[in-house]
Amino acid sequence: MNIPYVNPRERDAEQFLKLLHHKIGAGERSEVRHKPSGEDRLMCRKFCVDPTEAAWYAALLACGEVYADAAPGRGEVR
């Protein structure tokens, strides 16, 4: 089922993340990291259950630096 998107940035992010994580195993998560603006700010991270959620979160934070983990993990800080 295709969902009509209002936000093309979110659509593009989801397509990209689905290419990276086309098969996420049970219990695995996509990691999205965000660096808030400012030199001394620490990186924030969120573990998402699927590429759609990760894309939504990444598009929400698109005003700063956003990184997605190319290898899904189990939602653990490494």
Protein backbone atom coordinates (compact mmCIF):
# COMPACT_ATOMS: atom_id res chain seq x y z
CA MET A 1 0.00 0.00 0.00
CA ASN A 2 1.38 3.41 -0.90
CA ILE A 3 0.75 6.27 1.48
CA PRO A 4 0.46 9.70 -0.14
CA TYR A 5 3.17 11.94 1.29
CA VAL A 6 2.86 15.60 2.02
CA ASN A 7 6.55 15.87 2.88
CA PRO A 8 8.83 14.87 -0.03
CA ARG A 9 11.85 14.92 2.31
CA GLU A 10 10.22 12.20 4.43
CA ARG A 11 9.36 10.16 1.32
CA ASP A 12 12.95 10.37 0.06
CA ALA A 13 14.35 9.46 3.50
CA GLU A 14 12.04 6.44 3.73
CA GLN A 15 13.04 5.18 0.27
CA PHE A 16 16.72 5.55 1.18
CA LEU A 17 16.33 3.80 4.55
CA LYS A 18 14.32 0.97 2.99
CA LEU A 19 17.23 0.38 0.62
CA LEU A 20 19.64 0.22 3.56
CA HIS A 21 17.38 -1.86 5.80
CA HIS A 22 15.31 -3.94 3.42
CA LYS A 23 15.28 -6.85 5.88
CA ILE A 24 15.36 -5.92 9.55
CA GLY A 25 15.37 -8.97 11.79
CA ALA A 26 13.16 -9.54 14.80
CA GLY A 27 14.18 -7.21 17.60
CA GLU A 28 16.51 -5.14 15.41
CA ARG A 29 16.20 -1.36 15.14
CA SER A 30 17.31 1.40 12.79
CA GLU A 31 19.44 3.96 14.63
CA VAL A 32 19.04 7.64 13.82
CA ARG A 33 21.49 10.16 15.31
CA HIS A 34 20.96 13.88 15.40
CA LYS A 35 23.47 16.60 16.23
CA PRO A 36 21.69 19.68 17.53
CA SER A 37 23.12 22.97 16.29
CA GLY A 38 25.93 24.36 18.39
CA GLU A 39 29.53 23.34 18.80
CA ASP A 40 29.29 21.86 22.30
CA ARG A 41 26.03 19.94 21.86
CA LEU A 42 26.07 16.15 22.23
CA MET A 43 24.72 13.74 19.64
CA CYS A 44 21.17 12.51 20.33
CA ARG A 45 20.05 9.06 19.20
CA LYS A 46 16.80 7.22 18.68
CA PHE A 47 16.23 3.57 17.80
CA CYS A 48 13.30 3.07 15.41
CA VAL A 49 11.38 -0.14 14.76
CA ASP A 50 11.30 0.26 10.98
CA PRO A 51 12.53 2.48 8.12
CA THR A 52 9.22 4.38 8.00
CA GLU A 53 9.55 5.53 11.61
CA ALA A 54 13.25 6.32 11.10
CA ALA A 55 12.43 8.40 8.00
CA TRP A 56 9.72 10.33 9.84
CA TYR A 57 12.12 11.10 12.70
CA ALA A 58 14.97 12.06 10.34
CA ALA A 59 12.71 14.36 8.32
CA LEU A 60 11.51 15.98 11.54
CA LEU A 61 15.14 16.83 12.40
CA ALA A 62 16.25 17.81 8.90
CA CYS A 63 17.41 21.27 9.96
CA GLY A 64 20.59 19.87 11.54
CA GLU A 65 23.00 17.01 10.99
CA VAL A 66 21.16 13.67 10.83
CA TYR A 67 22.85 10.26 10.49
CA ALA A 68 21.26 6.84 9.98
CA ASP A 69 23.01 3.61 10.89
CA ALA A 70 23.55 1.43 7.84
CA ALA A 71 23.59 -1.78 9.89
CA PRO A 72 20.50 -2.33 12.05
CA GLY A 73 21.10 -3.41 15.63
CA ARG A 74 19.13 -4.40 18.66
CA GLY A 75 18.64 -0.88 20.01
CA GLU A 76 21.72 -1.02 22.19
CA VAL A 77 24.30 1.69 22.58
CA ARG A 78 27.59 0.38 21.22
